[in-house]
Amino acid sequence: MDSRGASAYTAGMSSHIRVSKHTFVYDCADPAALAGFYAGLLGWSIDPESDDRWVDLVPPEGSAFTLSFQRIDGYVAPTWPEGDVPQQAHLDFDVPSLEEAGRLAEASGAKRHPVQPSETGSFVVYADPAGHLFCLCAE
């Protein structure tokens, strides 16, 4: 890193992109259903202009981060920790109570994953209804 904090990769660049919104997009078989799961879990709403191939969530006002869901024909859920379809990304949600958040996640349709790699209990791995993994992490 140089004195400005830029890596060697970006040090020669004269500028950088300015991002106004960060979107994490999940591939899935049923975008409306998966968006409904996350909308309920997070208390966000579904963008009414979404369609059957792409659904956007609307986060709380002031947030520059959102989730979107796109239909992929032939979608196959990731397998973890081993298998033919590796996990490629996951979300972490920092929460004040793992127990309370876990109950809410399961009531929304999440399943606690049988593999729990945390040795200290500081996070719990869940799978959403489409099989994507996410973690609830102690604040």
Protein backbone atom coordinates (compact mmCIF):
# COMPACT_ATOMS: atom_id res chain seq x y z
CA MET A 1 0.00 0.00 0.00
CA ASP A 2 1.23 3.49 -0.73
CA SER A 3 0.75 6.54 1.51
CA ARG A 4 -2.76 7.14 0.12
CA GLY A 5 -3.87 3.61 0.97
CA ALA A 6 -4.09 2.45 -2.65
CA SER A 7 -2.82 -0.97 -3.56
CA ALA A 8 -0.16 -1.43 -6.20
CA TYR A 9 -2.94 -2.39 -8.60
CA THR A 10 -4.78 0.93 -8.29
CA ALA A 11 -1.81 3.19 -7.56
CA GLY A 12 -1.33 4.06 -11.23
CA MET A 13 -5.00 4.89 -11.81
CA SER A 14 -5.91 8.56 -11.96
CA SER A 15 -9.41 8.10 -10.51
CA HIS A 16 -11.84 5.53 -9.21
CA ILE A 17 -15.46 4.71 -9.80
CA ARG A 18 -18.00 6.45 -7.59
CA VAL A 19 -20.60 4.01 -6.37
CA SER A 20 -23.99 5.34 -5.35
CA LYS A 21 -25.56 1.97 -4.52
CA HIS A 22 -24.10 -1.46 -3.74
CA THR A 23 -26.23 -4.38 -4.93
CA PHE A 24 -25.64 -8.01 -4.12
CA VAL A 25 -27.47 -10.17 -6.69
CA TYR A 26 -28.52 -13.74 -5.98
CA ASP A 27 -29.18 -16.25 -8.75
CA CYS A 28 -32.23 -18.39 -8.02
CA ALA A 29 -35.14 -20.29 -9.56
CA ASP A 30 -37.90 -18.05 -8.11
CA PRO A 31 -36.85 -14.42 -7.59
CA ALA A 32 -40.17 -13.32 -6.07
CA ALA A 33 -40.13 -16.08 -3.46
CA LEU A 34 -36.51 -15.50 -2.44
CA ALA A 35 -37.00 -11.73 -2.36
CA GLY A 36 -40.04 -12.31 -0.14
CA PHE A 37 -37.92 -14.36 2.25
CA TYR A 38 -35.26 -11.62 2.58
CA ALA A 39 -37.85 -8.83 2.70
CA GLY A 40 -39.50 -10.57 5.64
CA LEU A 41 -36.22 -11.42 7.34
CA LEU A 42 -34.82 -7.87 7.07
CA GLY A 43 -38.04 -5.84 7.20
CA TRP A 44 -37.37 -4.42 3.72
CA SER A 45 -39.90 -4.09 0.91
CA ILE A 46 -40.06 -5.40 -2.64
CA ASP A 47 -39.75 -2.88 -5.45
CA PRO A 48 -43.17 -2.83 -7.17
CA GLU A 49 -41.47 -2.42 -10.57
CA SER A 50 -39.82 -5.85 -10.27
CA ASP A 51 -40.79 -8.59 -12.71
CA ASP A 52 -40.70 -12.38 -12.84
CA ARG A 53 -37.03 -12.48 -13.93
CA TRP A 54 -35.56 -9.78 -11.63
CA VAL A 55 -36.70 -8.57 -8.21
CA ASP A 56 -35.15 -5.70 -6.25
CA LEU A 57 -35.52 -5.12 -2.53
CA VAL A 58 -35.91 -1.61 -1.18
CA PRO A 59 -33.78 -1.14 1.95
CA PRO A 60 -34.45 1.42 4.68
CA GLU A 61 -34.04 5.02 3.60
CA GLY A 62 -30.44 6.15 3.63
CA SER A 63 -28.97 2.72 2.91
CA ALA A 64 -26.62 2.47 -0.08
CA PHE A 65 -26.79 -1.36 -0.05
CA THR A 66 -29.53 -3.56 -1.44
CA LEU A 67 -30.26 -7.11 -2.56
CA SER A 68 -31.60 -8.24 -5.92
CA PHE A 69 -32.63 -11.64 -7.23
CA GLN A 70 -32.46 -12.93 -10.80
CA ARG A 71 -34.13 -15.99 -12.30
CA ILE A 72 -31.68 -18.55 -13.65
CA ASP A 73 -33.18 -21.44 -15.60
CA GLY A 74 -31.74 -24.69 -14.30
CA TYR A 75 -30.56 -23.08 -11.06
CA VAL A 76 -28.83 -25.52 -8.69
CA ALA A 77 -28.37 -24.57 -5.04
CA PRO A 78 -24.79 -24.41 -3.76
CA THR A 79 -23.47 -27.27 -1.67
CA TRP A 80 -21.32 -26.54 1.34
CA PRO A 81 -18.84 -27.27 2.74
CA GLU A 82 -18.20 -29.86 0.02
CA GLY A 83 -19.90 -30.85 -3.21
CA ASP A 84 -20.23 -30.25 -6.92
CA VAL A 85 -21.70 -26.73 -6.63
CA PRO A 86 -19.46 -24.67 -4.34
CA GLN A 87 -20.56 -21.69 -2.34
CA GLN A 88 -19.34 -18.61 -4.15
CA ALA A 89 -20.49 -15.89 -1.77
CA HIS A 90 -22.57 -15.43 1.34
CA LEU A 91 -24.01 -12.64 3.45
CA ASP A 92 -23.18 -11.91 7.08
CA PHE A 93 -25.72 -10.11 9.24
CA ASP A 94 -24.44 -8.72 12.55
CA VAL A 95 -27.23 -9.05 15.14
CA PRO A 96 -27.57 -8.23 18.85
CA SER A 97 -28.94 -11.69 19.72
CA LEU A 98 -28.03 -14.85 17.78
CA GLU A 99 -30.83 -16.77 19.49
CA GLU A 100 -33.58 -14.25 18.69
CA ALA A 101 -32.34 -13.64 15.14
CA GLY A 102 -32.07 -17.40 14.58
CA ARG A 103 -35.70 -17.92 15.64
CA LEU A 104 -36.81 -15.16 13.28
CA ALA A 105 -34.71 -16.56 10.42
CA GLU A 106 -36.15 -20.05 10.86
CA ALA A 107 -39.70 -18.69 11.15
CA SER A 108 -39.10 -16.89 7.84
CA GLY A 109 -38.06 -20.14 6.13
CA ALA A 110 -34.31 -20.40 6.73
CA LYS A 111 -32.78 -23.69 7.82
CA ARG A 112 -29.90 -23.94 10.26
CA HIS A 113 -27.05 -25.59 8.37
CA PRO A 114 -25.78 -28.90 9.81
CA VAL A 115 -22.17 -27.66 9.53
CA GLN A 116 -21.32 -24.98 12.09
CA PRO A 117 -17.63 -24.04 11.83
CA SER A 118 -17.57 -21.40 14.58
CA GLU A 119 -15.50 -22.71 17.46
CA THR A 120 -16.65 -19.89 19.75
CA GLY A 121 -20.33 -19.69 18.76
CA SER A 122 -19.82 -16.16 17.43
CA PHE A 123 -21.78 -16.91 14.25
CA VAL A 124 -24.35 -19.41 13.00
CA VAL A 125 -24.68 -20.61 9.40
CA TYR A 126 -28.13 -20.79 7.79
CA ALA A 127 -29.44 -21.59 4.32
CA ASP A 128 -32.16 -19.46 2.75
CA PRO A 129 -35.09 -21.18 0.97
CA ALA A 130 -33.07 -21.37 -2.28
CA GLY A 131 -30.05 -22.91 -0.52
CA HIS A 132 -27.80 -19.80 -0.40
CA LEU A 133 -25.86 -19.56 2.82
CA PHE A 134 -25.85 -16.62 5.19
CA CYS A 135 -24.48 -16.13 8.66
CA LEU A 136 -25.96 -14.49 11.69
CA CYS A 137 -23.00 -12.98 13.56
CA ALA A 138 -22.86 -11.74 17.14
CA GLU A 139 -22.28 -7.99 17.26
